Protein backbone atom coordinates (compact mmCIF):
# COMPACT_ATOMS: atom_id res chain seq x y z
CA MET A 1 -4.92 -24.80 -7.83
CA LYS A 2 -4.03 -22.58 -10.98
CA LEU A 3 -1.97 -19.79 -10.41
CA ILE A 4 -1.56 -17.16 -13.13
CA CYS A 5 0.94 -14.38 -12.05
CA MET A 6 1.31 -11.27 -14.27
CA VAL A 7 4.97 -9.47 -14.22
CA LYS A 8 6.08 -7.17 -15.92
CA ILE A 9 9.64 -6.35 -17.11
CA VAL A 10 10.66 -2.76 -16.48
CA PRO A 11 13.71 -0.72 -17.59
CA ASP A 12 15.94 -0.45 -14.62
CA VAL A 13 14.88 2.67 -13.05
CA ASP A 14 18.59 4.52 -12.98
CA LYS A 15 18.91 3.95 -16.60
CA PHE A 16 15.92 4.07 -18.48
CA LYS A 17 15.22 6.32 -21.58
CA TYR A 18 11.84 8.08 -22.17
CA ASP A 19 11.02 9.35 -25.34
CA PHE A 20 9.28 12.69 -25.17
CA GLU A 21 7.55 12.76 -28.66
CA THR A 22 5.79 9.44 -28.60
CA ASN A 23 5.43 9.68 -24.26
CA THR A 24 6.43 6.07 -24.20
CA VAL A 25 9.42 4.59 -22.11
CA VAL A 26 12.38 3.05 -24.61
CA ARG A 27 12.93 -0.05 -23.78
CA GLU A 28 15.85 -1.11 -26.38
CA ASN A 29 19.63 -1.63 -25.27
CA VAL A 30 18.49 -0.96 -21.35
CA ARG A 31 19.08 -2.99 -18.54
CA MET A 32 15.67 -4.66 -17.79
CA ILE A 33 14.95 -6.23 -14.31
CA LEU A 34 11.44 -7.95 -12.95
CA ASN A 35 9.47 -5.50 -11.18
CA PRO A 36 9.52 -5.61 -7.52
CA ASP A 37 5.78 -6.02 -6.45
CA ASP A 38 5.10 -8.46 -9.25
CA ALA A 39 8.05 -10.17 -7.78
CA CYS A 40 6.40 -10.27 -4.72
CA GLY A 41 3.46 -12.31 -6.69
CA VAL A 42 5.05 -14.92 -8.20
CA ALA A 43 7.24 -15.25 -5.06
CA PHE A 44 3.81 -16.04 -2.92
CA ALA A 45 2.64 -18.13 -5.66
CA LEU A 46 5.76 -20.40 -5.85
CA LYS A 47 5.25 -20.86 -1.84
CA ALA A 48 1.59 -21.70 -2.27
CA LYS A 49 3.04 -24.28 -5.17
CA ALA A 50 5.39 -25.68 -2.25
CA MET A 51 2.74 -26.10 0.38
CA LYS A 52 -0.27 -26.97 -1.17
CA PRO A 53 0.45 -29.91 -3.56
CA GLY A 54 -0.92 -29.93 -7.00
CA THR A 55 -0.73 -26.65 -7.13
CA THR A 56 0.78 -24.81 -10.74
CA VAL A 57 2.54 -21.60 -11.60
CA GLU A 58 1.92 -19.92 -15.15
CA VAL A 59 3.74 -16.57 -15.48
CA VAL A 60 2.22 -14.12 -17.58
CA THR A 61 3.67 -11.14 -19.54
CA MET A 62 3.13 -8.31 -22.47
CA ALA A 63 7.55 -7.87 -23.08
CA PRO A 64 9.98 -7.88 -26.24
CA ARG A 65 11.21 -11.22 -27.16
CA SER A 66 14.70 -10.34 -25.34
CA ALA A 67 12.95 -10.35 -21.52
CA LYS A 68 13.38 -14.34 -22.19
CA PRO A 69 16.19 -14.69 -19.98
CA ILE A 70 14.41 -12.93 -17.22
CA LEU A 71 11.29 -15.58 -18.08
CA GLU A 72 14.06 -18.65 -18.07
CA ASP A 73 14.87 -17.72 -14.54
CA LEU A 74 11.45 -18.12 -13.66
CA ILE A 75 11.08 -21.10 -14.45
CA ARG A 76 14.33 -22.26 -12.70
CA MET A 77 12.82 -20.81 -9.84
CA GLY A 78 9.88 -23.07 -9.88
CA ALA A 79 7.10 -21.68 -12.35
CA ASP A 80 5.82 -24.35 -14.44
CA GLN A 81 4.94 -22.04 -17.64
CA VAL A 82 5.65 -18.90 -18.94
CA THR A 83 3.31 -17.05 -21.87
CA LEU A 84 4.83 -14.42 -23.46
CA ILE A 85 2.66 -11.92 -24.82
CA SER A 86 4.20 -10.21 -28.07
CA ASP A 87 4.11 -8.52 -31.26
CA SER A 88 5.39 -5.59 -32.92
CA CYS A 89 1.86 -4.17 -33.44
CA PHE A 90 1.91 -4.28 -29.66
CA SER A 91 4.68 -1.71 -29.01
CA GLY A 92 3.72 1.84 -27.46
CA SER A 93 0.65 0.29 -25.72
CA ASP A 94 -1.04 2.57 -23.05
CA THR A 95 -2.42 0.67 -20.00
CA TYR A 96 -6.18 0.77 -21.70
CA ALA A 97 -4.50 -1.65 -24.97
CA THR A 98 -2.14 -3.75 -22.49
CA SER A 99 -5.07 -4.47 -20.30
CA THR A 100 -7.29 -5.80 -23.36
CA ILE A 101 -4.54 -7.54 -24.85
CA LEU A 102 -3.87 -9.36 -21.41
CA ALA A 103 -7.70 -9.97 -20.73
CA LYS A 104 -8.03 -11.06 -24.04
CA TYR A 105 -5.43 -14.01 -23.36
CA LEU A 106 -6.84 -14.62 -19.96
CA LYS A 107 -10.27 -14.85 -21.47
CA LYS A 108 -9.16 -18.26 -22.35
CA ALA A 109 -6.83 -19.50 -19.94
CA ALA A 110 -7.78 -21.72 -17.09
CA TYR A 111 -6.96 -19.94 -13.44
CA ASP A 112 -8.44 -19.96 -9.88
CA CYS A 113 -6.36 -16.90 -8.86
CA ILE A 114 -4.27 -14.16 -10.63
CA LEU A 115 -1.43 -12.41 -8.68
CA THR A 116 0.41 -9.39 -9.81
CA GLY A 117 1.82 -6.11 -8.39
CA SER A 118 0.19 -3.19 -7.11
CA HIS A 119 3.02 -1.06 -8.91
CA ALA A 120 5.12 -0.49 -11.45
CA ILE A 121 8.53 1.12 -11.34
CA ASP A 122 8.25 2.57 -14.58
CA GLY A 123 5.10 3.98 -14.56
CA ASP A 124 3.16 3.17 -11.87
CA THR A 125 -0.09 4.34 -12.35
CA SER A 126 -1.38 0.85 -10.93
CA HIS A 127 -4.68 0.84 -13.44
CA VAL A 128 -3.60 -2.64 -15.66
CA PRO A 129 -5.00 -5.03 -12.50
CA SER A 130 -8.00 -3.49 -11.84
CA GLN A 131 -8.33 -2.61 -15.78
CA ILE A 132 -8.06 -6.71 -15.99
CA GLY A 133 -10.29 -7.31 -13.19
CA ASP A 134 -13.42 -4.93 -14.94
CA LEU A 135 -12.58 -7.14 -18.26
CA LEU A 136 -12.79 -10.30 -16.97
CA ASP A 137 -15.20 -9.29 -14.51
CA ILE A 138 -13.84 -10.58 -11.27
CA SER A 139 -13.14 -8.70 -8.00
CA GLN A 140 -9.39 -7.28 -7.92
CA MET A 141 -7.85 -5.99 -4.84
CA SER A 142 -4.19 -3.59 -4.39
CA ASN A 143 -1.93 -3.48 -2.27
CA VAL A 144 -2.07 -6.43 -0.36
CA MET A 145 0.35 -7.61 2.73
CA GLN A 146 -0.06 -10.89 3.33
CA ILE A 147 -2.38 -13.77 1.90
CA ASP A 148 -3.05 -16.34 4.86
CA LEU A 149 -2.34 -19.75 3.12
CA SER A 150 -4.26 -21.95 5.37
CA LYS A 151 -7.42 -19.88 4.20
CA PHE A 152 -6.88 -19.74 0.29
CA ASP A 153 -7.88 -22.55 -1.92
CA GLU A 154 -10.41 -23.11 -5.01
CA SER A 155 -13.07 -20.55 -3.87
CA ARG A 156 -12.09 -17.75 -1.74
CA ALA A 157 -8.78 -16.10 -0.29
CA VAL A 158 -7.87 -14.32 2.85
CA PHE A 159 -5.47 -11.46 3.27
CA LYS A 160 -4.62 -8.45 4.53
CA VAL A 161 -4.06 -4.69 2.53
CA ASP A 162 -2.72 -1.76 3.75
CA ASN A 163 -4.54 1.44 3.40
CA ASP A 164 -2.32 3.61 4.53
CA LEU A 165 -4.10 4.52 8.02
CA ALA A 166 -4.30 0.76 8.77
CA VAL A 167 -4.12 -2.87 7.90
CA SER A 168 -7.12 -4.41 7.32
CA THR A 169 -8.54 -7.78 7.04
CA TYR A 170 -10.43 -9.29 3.13
CA GLU A 171 -12.35 -12.42 2.07
CA MET A 172 -12.59 -12.42 -1.06
CA LYS A 173 -14.65 -15.11 -3.67
CA LEU A 174 -12.10 -16.71 -6.36
CA PRO A 175 -11.45 -16.27 -9.08
CA GLY A 176 -10.04 -13.17 -8.79
CA ILE A 177 -6.75 -10.53 -8.77
CA LEU A 178 -5.04 -9.71 -6.02
CA SER A 179 -2.09 -7.15 -6.27
CA LEU A 180 0.95 -7.66 -3.64
CA GLN A 181 3.18 -4.91 -2.89
CA LYS A 182 6.80 -5.12 -2.44
CA GLU A 183 6.69 -4.60 1.27
CA SER A 184 4.65 -7.42 1.64
CA LYS A 185 8.11 -9.36 2.42
CA TYR A 186 7.32 -12.36 -0.27
CA LYS A 187 10.63 -12.99 -1.77
CA LEU A 188 11.71 -14.85 -4.79
CA PRO A 189 13.80 -18.24 -4.33
CA TYR A 190 17.25 -18.80 -5.05
CA ILE A 191 18.16 -20.67 -8.17
CA LYS A 192 19.46 -23.69 -7.90
CA TYR A 193 22.89 -24.22 -8.87
CA ALA A 194 22.27 -27.52 -10.82
CA ASP A 195 19.67 -25.39 -12.67
CA ILE A 196 21.56 -22.21 -13.76
CA ALA A 197 23.05 -23.04 -17.09
CA ARG A 198 19.63 -25.62 -17.91
CA ASP A 199 17.70 -24.47 -21.21
CA MET A 200 14.29 -23.31 -20.14
CA SER A 201 13.23 -22.26 -23.79
CA SER A 202 10.73 -25.04 -24.05
CA GLN A 203 8.52 -24.40 -21.18
CA ILE A 204 8.29 -20.28 -22.82
CA LYS A 205 5.14 -20.06 -25.40
CA LEU A 206 5.05 -17.32 -27.39
CA VAL A 207 1.89 -15.72 -28.04
CA THR A 208 1.20 -13.00 -31.05
CA ASN A 209 -1.05 -11.13 -32.61
CA ASP A 210 -1.79 -13.97 -35.12
CA ASP A 211 -2.70 -15.63 -32.17
CA LEU A 212 -5.04 -12.98 -30.55
CA LYS A 213 -6.29 -11.33 -33.63
CA PHE A 214 -6.20 -7.67 -32.99
CA GLN A 215 -7.03 -5.10 -35.61
CA SER A 216 -4.01 -2.39 -35.77
CA HIS A 217 -5.99 0.45 -34.54
CA GLU A 218 -7.13 -1.55 -31.18
CA VAL A 219 -3.43 -2.08 -30.08
CA GLY A 220 -0.26 0.09 -30.01
CA LEU A 221 -0.34 3.32 -30.13
CA LYS A 222 -3.37 4.04 -32.51
CA GLY A 223 -5.01 1.64 -29.54
CA SER A 224 -3.79 3.89 -26.82
CA LEU A 225 -6.98 6.16 -25.84
CA THR A 226 -4.44 7.84 -22.61
CA LYS A 227 -3.94 11.22 -23.92
CA VAL A 228 -0.72 12.48 -22.07
CA ASN A 229 -0.84 16.93 -21.24
CA ARG A 230 2.40 17.43 -20.75
CA THR A 231 5.68 16.01 -19.54
CA PHE A 232 8.50 17.17 -17.77
CA VAL A 233 11.59 15.63 -15.45
CA LYS A 234 12.21 15.94 -12.04
CA GLU A 235 14.87 18.86 -11.04
CA TYR A 236 16.53 17.50 -8.28
CA GLN A 237 18.02 20.19 -5.88
CA LYS A 238 22.21 20.04 -5.30
CA ARG A 239 22.68 19.70 -1.47
CA ASP A 240 25.80 20.40 0.57
CA LYS A 241 27.40 17.52 2.05
CA VAL A 242 29.26 17.35 5.26
CA ILE A 243 31.70 15.08 6.12
CA VAL A 244 32.12 14.78 10.13
CA GLY A 245 34.45 12.76 12.07
CA THR A 246 34.07 10.35 14.85
CA ASP A 247 35.59 13.27 17.25
CA ASP A 248 33.57 15.52 19.80
CA GLN A 249 33.55 18.10 17.18
CA GLY A 250 31.59 15.70 14.91
CA ILE A 251 29.25 14.21 17.49
CA GLU A 252 28.33 17.61 18.00
CA THR A 253 27.65 18.83 14.53
CA VAL A 254 25.56 15.57 14.33
CA TYR A 255 23.62 16.62 17.24
CA MET A 256 23.00 19.98 16.39
CA PHE A 257 21.76 18.97 13.16
CA LEU A 258 19.59 16.35 14.41
CA LYS A 259 18.04 19.21 16.96
CA GLU A 260 17.37 21.32 13.75
CA LYS A 261 15.44 18.91 12.05
CA GLY A 262 13.30 18.41 15.63
CA PHE A 263 14.59 14.75 15.83
CA LEU A 264 16.00 15.83 18.83
């Protein structure tokens, strides 16, 4: 099987900055990490590769070139190739423009299944997987919790989806897009000590607009059709902190607090 994992390199949520004039996340000089939901998609793909001989895993992302160290680690974990889509003219792209860029690359790629995350911690619109599915004319499902490896091949996938009210089992004809969520429990493997310092740059393919050939008005801020009505900074209410001991008085304080909140 040929599996493509779509990943997003996102700012550390505790340290990111936001440009309110352009309504974009400032990614320069901010610690970047692999989006947690997307990490689950890669983790499943690597598990499938280990259990199904002949399976290959390609990671595809649209990100600044500074993301290469994170991408090299994915190769060290077992991915066969990383495709980095990066060009200055793509900066500021909204979900519509981003989906258009990614889909143009994917239309020429070979794959049996595309694996993504359901949500991104720096935006959480969850638009991109479904928009790519529409542009490629293939099925897409979000909030995937588990994929049955015994029923996962070039023609179909059987998987469980959490729809808040219940966990349901679905079967999808492939090729298609399965979008996992971090609650799926798939975890990336550790990097082997021997591979920590290995140079993996030769396995990273750079794709620029010279390859995709978009007009300037089709991508970036000019090609972004989403219009943000307003933005705001969430205000947090300061709460009093009470420190109690492990004596009878402390136990009584905790008991009365839990009783007041309805837990007892």
